[in-house]
Amino acid sequence: MARYNSADIVLAALAASNGADHSPVQIQKLLFLIDKKVSTRIEGPFFNFIPYDYGPFDRTIYDVLDNLSKEGQVDVVSYANLRWHKYRLTLDGQKKGEEVLNTFPFEVRDYFSKLSGFVRSLSFEQLVAVIYNAYPDMKIKSVFANNLAL
């Protein structure tokens, strides 16, 4: 089996969406769930999540995204109506991400794809609530844990 690094996992996770944009919270929760659910099948975990304002958070994910952006594999997209950036793969990033995905067992590839769609299908509040319900230890530093309908 190949040896993967955090950049490989970010590329594979984003490639599983076939070019869709991801918000910061979607990326954080997507990678958190990958680390929790299937990372041992692909020589992980790859990240060090801690409880933060909106659940599990790892600052290094943004460092990885910044480096991938500098390498031309990730586009950082700004929208006039949003206070945050979104991320999506460039054509080169999609190709590299698919190459990584194709080295995973089928069940892991399928999980990445389904999970990517799942996190993008939920609102910010719904996504955070789902994480808090499944991983209550990740809401201890939340700025709105008591305001979510859980």
N, C-alpha and C. Protein backbone atom coordinates (compact mmCIF):
# COMPACT_ATOMS: atom_id res chain seq x y z
N MET A 1 0.84 -1.19 0.00
CA MET A 1 0.00 0.00 0.00
C MET A 1 0.88 1.25 0.00
N ALA A 2 0.45 2.27 -0.64
CA ALA A 2 1.19 3.53 -0.74
C ALA A 2 1.21 4.26 0.59
N ARG A 3 2.19 5.11 0.77
CA ARG A 3 2.27 5.95 1.96
C ARG A 3 1.69 7.31 1.61
N TYR A 4 0.72 7.76 2.40
CA TYR A 4 0.03 9.01 2.13
C TYR A 4 0.42 10.08 3.14
N ASN A 5 0.28 11.33 2.72
CA ASN A 5 0.47 12.44 3.63
C ASN A 5 -0.81 13.27 3.67
N SER A 6 -0.83 14.29 4.49
CA SER A 6 -2.05 15.08 4.66
C SER A 6 -2.47 15.76 3.36
N ALA A 7 -1.53 16.18 2.53
CA ALA A 7 -1.88 16.80 1.25
C ALA A 7 -2.58 15.80 0.33
N ASP A 8 -2.11 14.56 0.33
CA ASP A 8 -2.76 13.52 -0.47
C ASP A 8 -4.21 13.33 -0.04
N ILE A 9 -4.45 13.34 1.27
CA ILE A 9 -5.80 13.11 1.78
C ILE A 9 -6.70 14.30 1.45
N VAL A 10 -6.18 15.51 1.55
CA VAL A 10 -6.96 16.70 1.17
C VAL A 10 -7.32 16.63 -0.31
N LEU A 11 -6.36 16.32 -1.15
CA LEU A 11 -6.62 16.22 -2.59
C LEU A 11 -7.65 15.12 -2.89
N ALA A 12 -7.49 13.96 -2.26
CA ALA A 12 -8.43 12.87 -2.50
C ALA A 12 -9.83 13.23 -2.03
N ALA A 13 -9.93 13.87 -0.87
CA ALA A 13 -11.24 14.24 -0.32
C ALA A 13 -11.94 15.25 -1.23
N LEU A 14 -11.20 16.23 -1.73
CA LEU A 14 -11.80 17.22 -2.63
C LEU A 14 -12.09 16.62 -4.00
N ALA A 15 -11.24 15.73 -4.46
CA ALA A 15 -11.45 15.10 -5.77
C ALA A 15 -12.72 14.25 -5.77
N ALA A 16 -13.06 13.71 -4.63
CA ALA A 16 -14.26 12.87 -4.54
C ALA A 16 -15.54 13.65 -4.83
N SER A 17 -15.46 14.98 -4.80
CA SER A 17 -16.64 15.81 -5.07
C SER A 17 -16.75 16.20 -6.55
N ASN A 18 -15.77 15.79 -7.36
CA ASN A 18 -15.77 16.10 -8.79
C ASN A 18 -15.87 17.59 -9.10
N GLY A 19 -15.06 18.39 -8.43
CA GLY A 19 -14.96 19.80 -8.76
C GLY A 19 -15.83 20.74 -7.95
N ALA A 20 -16.57 20.26 -6.98
CA ALA A 20 -17.43 21.13 -6.18
C ALA A 20 -16.61 21.99 -5.22
N ASP A 21 -17.15 23.17 -4.92
CA ASP A 21 -16.55 24.04 -3.91
C ASP A 21 -16.82 23.47 -2.52
N HIS A 22 -15.90 23.75 -1.60
CA HIS A 22 -16.08 23.37 -0.20
C HIS A 22 -15.79 24.59 0.66
N SER A 23 -16.66 24.83 1.62
CA SER A 23 -16.41 25.89 2.59
C SER A 23 -15.40 25.39 3.62
N PRO A 24 -14.82 26.30 4.40
CA PRO A 24 -13.88 25.85 5.44
C PRO A 24 -14.49 24.82 6.40
N VAL A 25 -15.72 25.05 6.85
CA VAL A 25 -16.32 24.09 7.79
C VAL A 25 -16.57 22.75 7.12
N GLN A 26 -16.92 22.75 5.85
CA GLN A 26 -17.12 21.48 5.14
C GLN A 26 -15.82 20.70 5.03
N ILE A 27 -14.74 21.39 4.74
CA ILE A 27 -13.44 20.71 4.64
C ILE A 27 -13.01 20.16 5.99
N GLN A 28 -13.12 20.99 7.03
CA GLN A 28 -12.71 20.54 8.36
C GLN A 28 -13.51 19.30 8.79
N LYS A 29 -14.83 19.34 8.60
CA LYS A 29 -15.65 18.22 9.05
C LYS A 29 -15.48 17.00 8.16
N LEU A 30 -15.31 17.21 6.87
CA LEU A 30 -15.05 16.11 5.94
C LEU A 30 -13.78 15.36 6.36
N LEU A 31 -12.72 16.09 6.60
CA LEU A 31 -11.45 15.46 6.96
C LEU A 31 -11.50 14.87 8.37
N PHE A 32 -12.24 15.50 9.26
CA PHE A 32 -12.43 14.94 10.60
C PHE A 32 -13.11 13.57 10.51
N LEU A 33 -14.19 13.50 9.74
CA LEU A 33 -14.92 12.23 9.61
C LEU A 33 -14.10 11.17 8.90
N ILE A 34 -13.32 11.58 7.91
CA ILE A 34 -12.42 10.63 7.25
C ILE A 34 -11.42 10.08 8.26
N ASP A 35 -10.83 10.96 9.06
CA ASP A 35 -9.88 10.50 10.08
C ASP A 35 -10.54 9.57 11.08
N LYS A 36 -11.76 9.86 11.47
CA LYS A 36 -12.47 9.04 12.47
C LYS A 36 -12.93 7.71 11.90
N LYS A 37 -13.38 7.70 10.66
CA LYS A 37 -14.09 6.52 10.12
C LYS A 37 -13.23 5.58 9.28
N VAL A 38 -12.31 6.10 8.48
CA VAL A 38 -11.59 5.22 7.56
C VAL A 38 -10.08 5.42 7.51
N SER A 39 -9.54 6.30 8.32
CA SER A 39 -8.11 6.60 8.18
C SER A 39 -7.22 5.39 8.42
N THR A 40 -7.63 4.50 9.31
CA THR A 40 -6.78 3.34 9.56
C THR A 40 -6.69 2.42 8.35
N ARG A 41 -7.66 2.51 7.44
CA ARG A 41 -7.63 1.70 6.21
C ARG A 41 -6.63 2.25 5.20
N ILE A 42 -6.18 3.52 5.42
CA ILE A 42 -5.25 4.17 4.48
C ILE A 42 -4.05 4.77 5.22
N GLU A 43 -3.63 4.06 6.28
CA GLU A 43 -2.42 4.41 7.01
C GLU A 43 -2.51 5.72 7.77
N GLY A 44 -3.68 6.10 8.24
CA GLY A 44 -3.86 7.32 9.02
C GLY A 44 -3.95 7.02 10.50
N PRO A 45 -4.35 7.99 11.29
CA PRO A 45 -4.92 9.28 10.93
C PRO A 45 -3.87 10.28 10.44
N PHE A 46 -4.37 11.34 9.82
CA PHE A 46 -3.52 12.33 9.16
C PHE A 46 -3.56 13.70 9.81
N PHE A 47 -4.51 13.90 10.71
CA PHE A 47 -4.69 15.23 11.29
C PHE A 47 -4.80 15.12 12.81
N ASN A 48 -4.72 16.26 13.46
CA ASN A 48 -4.80 16.32 14.91
C ASN A 48 -5.91 17.30 15.29
N PHE A 49 -7.14 16.82 15.27
CA PHE A 49 -8.28 17.68 15.54
C PHE A 49 -8.45 17.95 17.02
N ILE A 50 -8.79 19.21 17.32
CA ILE A 50 -9.08 19.62 18.69
C ILE A 50 -10.46 20.28 18.70
N PRO A 51 -11.14 20.27 19.85
CA PRO A 51 -12.40 21.01 19.95
C PRO A 51 -12.12 22.50 19.77
N TYR A 52 -12.97 23.15 19.00
CA TYR A 52 -12.77 24.58 18.73
C TYR A 52 -14.13 25.24 18.62
N ASP A 53 -14.17 26.47 18.17
CA ASP A 53 -15.41 27.27 18.13
C ASP A 53 -16.58 26.55 17.49
N TYR A 54 -16.34 25.85 16.40
CA TYR A 54 -17.41 25.16 15.66
C TYR A 54 -17.11 23.67 15.52
N GLY A 55 -16.60 23.08 16.57
CA GLY A 55 -16.32 21.66 16.55
C GLY A 55 -14.89 21.34 16.19
N PRO A 56 -14.65 20.13 15.69
CA PRO A 56 -13.28 19.69 15.42
C PRO A 56 -12.57 20.59 14.43
N PHE A 57 -11.32 20.89 14.76
CA PHE A 57 -10.54 21.84 13.96
C PHE A 57 -9.08 21.44 14.00
N ASP A 58 -8.43 21.56 12.84
CA ASP A 58 -6.99 21.37 12.75
C ASP A 58 -6.44 22.46 11.85
N ARG A 59 -5.66 23.36 12.41
CA ARG A 59 -5.08 24.50 11.69
C ARG A 59 -4.23 24.05 10.50
N THR A 60 -3.60 22.90 10.62
CA THR A 60 -2.70 22.47 9.55
C THR A 60 -3.45 22.23 8.23
N ILE A 61 -4.75 22.01 8.30
CA ILE A 61 -5.52 21.83 7.06
C ILE A 61 -5.43 23.10 6.21
N TYR A 62 -5.50 24.26 6.85
CA TYR A 62 -5.38 25.52 6.10
C TYR A 62 -3.97 25.70 5.54
N ASP A 63 -2.97 25.24 6.28
CA ASP A 63 -1.59 25.29 5.78
C ASP A 63 -1.44 24.41 4.55
N VAL A 64 -2.04 23.21 4.61
CA VAL A 64 -2.00 22.30 3.47
C VAL A 64 -2.71 22.94 2.27
N LEU A 65 -3.89 23.50 2.49
CA LEU A 65 -4.63 24.15 1.40
C LEU A 65 -3.83 25.31 0.81
N ASP A 66 -3.19 26.10 1.66
CA ASP A 66 -2.35 27.21 1.17
C ASP A 66 -1.21 26.69 0.30
N ASN A 67 -0.55 25.64 0.76
CA ASN A 67 0.55 25.07 -0.03
C ASN A 67 0.04 24.49 -1.35
N LEU A 68 -1.09 23.81 -1.32
CA LEU A 68 -1.65 23.25 -2.55
C LEU A 68 -2.08 24.36 -3.51
N SER A 69 -2.53 25.47 -2.96
CA SER A 69 -2.88 26.63 -3.79
C SER A 69 -1.63 27.19 -4.47
N LYS A 70 -0.55 27.32 -3.71
CA LYS A 70 0.72 27.82 -4.27
C LYS A 70 1.26 26.90 -5.35
N GLU A 71 0.97 25.61 -5.22
CA GLU A 71 1.41 24.62 -6.21
C GLU A 71 0.47 24.53 -7.41
N GLY A 72 -0.61 25.30 -7.37
CA GLY A 72 -1.56 25.30 -8.49
C GLY A 72 -2.53 24.13 -8.49
N GLN A 73 -2.73 23.50 -7.34
CA GLN A 73 -3.63 22.35 -7.27
C GLN A 73 -4.98 22.68 -6.63
N VAL A 74 -5.05 23.80 -5.92
CA VAL A 74 -6.29 24.23 -5.27
C VAL A 74 -6.54 25.69 -5.64
N ASP A 75 -7.78 26.00 -5.98
CA ASP A 75 -8.22 27.38 -6.18
C ASP A 75 -8.90 27.85 -4.90
N VAL A 76 -8.53 29.04 -4.45
CA VAL A 76 -9.20 29.69 -3.33
C VAL A 76 -10.17 30.68 -3.96
N VAL A 77 -11.46 30.46 -3.75
CA VAL A 77 -12.50 31.20 -4.44
C VAL A 77 -13.19 32.15 -3.47
N SER A 78 -13.31 33.41 -3.88
CA SER A 78 -14.02 34.40 -3.08
C SER A 78 -15.37 34.70 -3.71
N TYR A 79 -16.36 34.88 -2.87
CA TYR A 79 -17.70 35.26 -3.31
C TYR A 79 -18.08 36.54 -2.59
N ALA A 80 -18.68 37.47 -3.31
CA ALA A 80 -19.03 38.77 -2.75
C ALA A 80 -19.97 38.66 -1.55
N ASN A 81 -20.84 37.67 -1.54
CA ASN A 81 -21.82 37.54 -0.47
C ASN A 81 -21.35 36.70 0.72
N LEU A 82 -20.09 36.24 0.71
CA LEU A 82 -19.57 35.41 1.80
C LEU A 82 -18.39 36.09 2.48
N ARG A 83 -18.28 35.86 3.78
CA ARG A 83 -17.14 36.40 4.54
C ARG A 83 -15.94 35.47 4.50
N TRP A 84 -16.10 34.28 3.97
CA TRP A 84 -15.02 33.30 3.94
C TRP A 84 -14.78 32.85 2.50
N HIS A 85 -13.64 32.23 2.29
CA HIS A 85 -13.31 31.67 0.98
C HIS A 85 -13.86 30.26 0.88
N LYS A 86 -13.99 29.81 -0.35
CA LYS A 86 -14.27 28.40 -0.60
C LYS A 86 -13.08 27.84 -1.37
N TYR A 87 -12.99 26.54 -1.37
CA TYR A 87 -11.86 25.85 -1.99
C TYR A 87 -12.38 24.84 -2.99
N ARG A 88 -11.64 24.73 -4.11
CA ARG A 88 -11.93 23.68 -5.08
C ARG A 88 -10.62 23.34 -5.79
N LEU A 89 -10.60 22.16 -6.34
CA LEU A 89 -9.39 21.71 -7.03
C LEU A 89 -9.29 22.32 -8.42
N THR A 90 -8.07 22.58 -8.84
CA THR A 90 -7.80 22.92 -10.23
C THR A 90 -7.83 21.62 -11.03
N LEU A 91 -7.68 21.70 -12.33
CA LEU A 91 -7.62 20.47 -13.13
C LEU A 91 -6.46 19.59 -12.71
N ASP A 92 -5.30 20.21 -12.43
CA ASP A 92 -4.15 19.43 -11.97
C ASP A 92 -4.41 18.80 -10.61
N GLY A 93 -5.05 19.56 -9.72
CA GLY A 93 -5.38 19.03 -8.39
C GLY A 93 -6.38 17.89 -8.47
N GLN A 94 -7.37 18.03 -9.37
CA GLN A 94 -8.35 16.96 -9.55
C GLN A 94 -7.67 15.69 -10.04
N LYS A 95 -6.75 15.83 -11.00
CA LYS A 95 -6.03 14.68 -11.53
C LYS A 95 -5.22 13.99 -10.43
N LYS A 96 -4.49 14.79 -9.67
CA LYS A 96 -3.67 14.22 -8.58
C LYS A 96 -4.57 13.58 -7.51
N GLY A 97 -5.67 14.25 -7.16
CA GLY A 97 -6.59 13.70 -6.17
C GLY A 97 -7.20 12.39 -6.62
N GLU A 98 -7.55 12.31 -7.90
CA GLU A 98 -8.11 11.06 -8.44
C GLU A 98 -7.06 9.94 -8.44
N GLU A 99 -5.81 10.30 -8.72
CA GLU A 99 -4.74 9.31 -8.67
C GLU A 99 -4.62 8.72 -7.26
N VAL A 100 -4.68 9.59 -6.25
CA VAL A 100 -4.62 9.12 -4.86
C VAL A 100 -5.85 8.27 -4.55
N LEU A 101 -7.04 8.78 -4.89
CA LEU A 101 -8.27 8.04 -4.64
C LEU A 101 -8.22 6.64 -5.23
N ASN A 102 -7.68 6.53 -6.41
CA ASN A 102 -7.65 5.24 -7.11
C ASN A 102 -6.71 4.23 -6.48
N THR A 103 -5.88 4.66 -5.54
CA THR A 103 -5.03 3.71 -4.81
C THR A 103 -5.73 3.17 -3.57
N PHE A 104 -6.87 3.75 -3.19
CA PHE A 104 -7.61 3.32 -2.01
C PHE A 104 -8.49 2.11 -2.35
N PRO A 105 -8.80 1.30 -1.35
CA PRO A 105 -9.78 0.24 -1.56
C PRO A 105 -11.12 0.85 -1.99
N PHE A 106 -11.90 0.09 -2.74
CA PHE A 106 -13.18 0.60 -3.25
C PHE A 106 -14.05 1.19 -2.15
N GLU A 107 -14.17 0.49 -1.02
CA GLU A 107 -15.04 0.95 0.06
C GLU A 107 -14.61 2.31 0.58
N VAL A 108 -13.32 2.58 0.62
CA VAL A 108 -12.81 3.87 1.08
C VAL A 108 -13.11 4.95 0.05
N ARG A 109 -12.89 4.65 -1.22
CA ARG A 109 -13.22 5.62 -2.29
C ARG A 109 -14.70 5.98 -2.24
N ASP A 110 -15.52 4.96 -2.09
CA ASP A 110 -16.97 5.16 -2.03
C ASP A 110 -17.34 6.01 -0.82
N TYR A 111 -16.71 5.77 0.31
CA TYR A 111 -16.97 6.54 1.52
C TYR A 111 -16.58 8.01 1.32
N PHE A 112 -15.43 8.25 0.73
CA PHE A 112 -15.01 9.63 0.46
C PHE A 112 -16.07 10.34 -0.38
N SER A 113 -16.54 9.69 -1.42
CA SER A 113 -17.52 10.29 -2.31
C SER A 113 -18.84 10.58 -1.59
N LYS A 114 -19.34 9.60 -0.87
CA LYS A 114 -20.61 9.79 -0.15
C LYS A 114 -20.47 10.84 0.94
N LEU A 115 -19.37 10.82 1.65
CA LEU A 115 -19.17 11.78 2.72
C LEU A 115 -19.04 13.20 2.18
N SER A 116 -18.36 13.35 1.06
CA SER A 116 -18.23 14.68 0.44
C SER A 116 -19.60 15.24 0.09
N GLY A 117 -20.44 14.43 -0.50
CA GLY A 117 -21.80 14.87 -0.81
C GLY A 117 -22.60 15.18 0.43
N PHE A 118 -22.43 14.37 1.46
CA PHE A 118 -23.16 14.58 2.71
C PHE A 118 -22.81 15.91 3.35
N VAL A 119 -21.51 16.21 3.51
CA VAL A 119 -21.14 17.46 4.18
C VAL A 119 -21.57 18.68 3.37
N ARG A 120 -21.60 18.55 2.04
CA ARG A 120 -22.02 19.68 1.20
C ARG A 120 -23.54 19.83 1.15
N SER A 121 -24.27 18.80 1.55
CA SER A 121 -25.74 18.86 1.50
C SER A 121 -26.34 19.56 2.72
N LEU A 122 -25.56 19.75 3.75
CA LEU A 122 -26.06 20.32 5.00
C LEU A 122 -25.70 21.79 5.13
N SER A 123 -26.54 22.53 5.83
CA SER A 123 -26.20 23.91 6.16
C SER A 123 -25.07 23.90 7.19
N PHE A 124 -24.47 25.04 7.40
CA PHE A 124 -23.42 25.17 8.42
C PHE A 124 -23.91 24.63 9.76
N GLU A 125 -25.07 25.11 10.20
CA GLU A 125 -25.61 24.72 11.50
C GLU A 125 -25.92 23.23 11.56
N GLN A 126 -26.50 22.69 10.48
CA GLN A 126 -26.81 21.26 10.46
C GLN A 126 -25.55 20.41 10.54
N LEU A 127 -24.53 20.81 9.80
CA LEU A 127 -23.28 20.05 9.79
C LEU A 127 -22.63 20.05 11.17
N VAL A 128 -22.56 21.21 11.78
CA VAL A 128 -21.97 21.29 13.11
C VAL A 128 -22.80 20.47 14.10
N ALA A 129 -24.12 20.55 14.01
CA ALA A 129 -24.99 19.78 14.91
C ALA A 129 -24.78 18.28 14.75
N VAL A 130 -24.65 17.80 13.52
CA VAL A 130 -24.41 16.38 13.28
C VAL A 130 -23.10 15.94 13.95
N ILE A 131 -22.08 16.75 13.81
CA ILE A 131 -20.79 16.43 14.43
C ILE A 131 -20.92 16.42 15.95
N TYR A 132 -21.57 17.44 16.50
CA TYR A 132 -21.74 17.51 17.96
C TYR A 132 -22.52 16.31 18.49
N ASN A 133 -23.54 15.88 17.76
CA ASN A 133 -24.32 14.72 18.20
C ASN A 133 -23.49 13.45 18.22
N ALA A 134 -22.68 13.27 17.19
CA ALA A 134 -21.88 12.05 17.07
C ALA A 134 -20.62 12.09 17.93
N TYR A 135 -20.08 13.29 18.15
CA TYR A 135 -18.82 13.46 18.88
C TYR A 135 -18.97 14.59 19.89
N PRO A 136 -19.70 14.35 20.99
CA PRO A 136 -19.97 15.42 21.95
C PRO A 136 -18.72 16.03 22.57
N ASP A 137 -17.63 15.28 22.60
CA ASP A 137 -16.38 15.83 23.12
C ASP A 137 -15.85 16.97 22.26
N MET A 138 -16.33 17.10 21.04
CA MET A 138 -15.86 18.14 20.13
C MET A 138 -16.64 19.45 20.28
N LYS A 139 -17.61 19.50 21.19
CA LYS A 139 -18.35 20.74 21.37
C LYS A 139 -17.98 21.48 22.66
N ILE A 140 -16.98 21.02 23.36
CA ILE A 140 -16.67 21.62 24.66
C ILE A 140 -16.20 23.07 24.56
N LYS A 141 -15.68 23.49 23.41
CA LYS A 141 -15.25 24.88 23.24
C LYS A 141 -16.13 25.64 22.26
N SER A 142 -17.28 25.09 21.96
CA SER A 142 -18.16 25.68 20.96
C SER A 142 -18.66 27.05 21.36
N VAL A 143 -18.76 27.92 20.37
CA VAL A 143 -19.33 29.25 20.62
C VAL A 143 -20.85 29.24 20.52
N PHE A 144 -21.43 28.15 20.02
CA PHE A 144 -22.89 28.10 19.97
C PHE A 144 -23.48 26.71 20.23
N ALA A 145 -22.81 25.92 20.96
CA ALA A 145 -23.29 24.56 21.25
C ALA A 145 -24.69 24.56 21.85
N ASN A 146 -24.98 25.53 22.70
CA ASN A 146 -26.29 25.57 23.36
C ASN A 146 -27.37 26.16 22.48
N ASN A 147 -27.01 26.74 21.34
CA ASN A 147 -27.97 27.38 20.46
C ASN A 147 -28.43 26.48 19.32
N LEU A 148 -27.81 25.32 19.17
CA LEU A 148 -28.19 24.41 18.09
C LEU A 148 -29.30 23.49 18.54
N ALA A 149 -30.20 23.24 17.63
CA ALA A 149 -31.26 22.26 17.91
C ALA A 149 -30.67 20.87 17.70
N LEU A 150 -30.26 20.24 18.77
CA LEU A 150 -29.61 18.94 18.67
C LEU A 150 -30.55 17.80 18.94
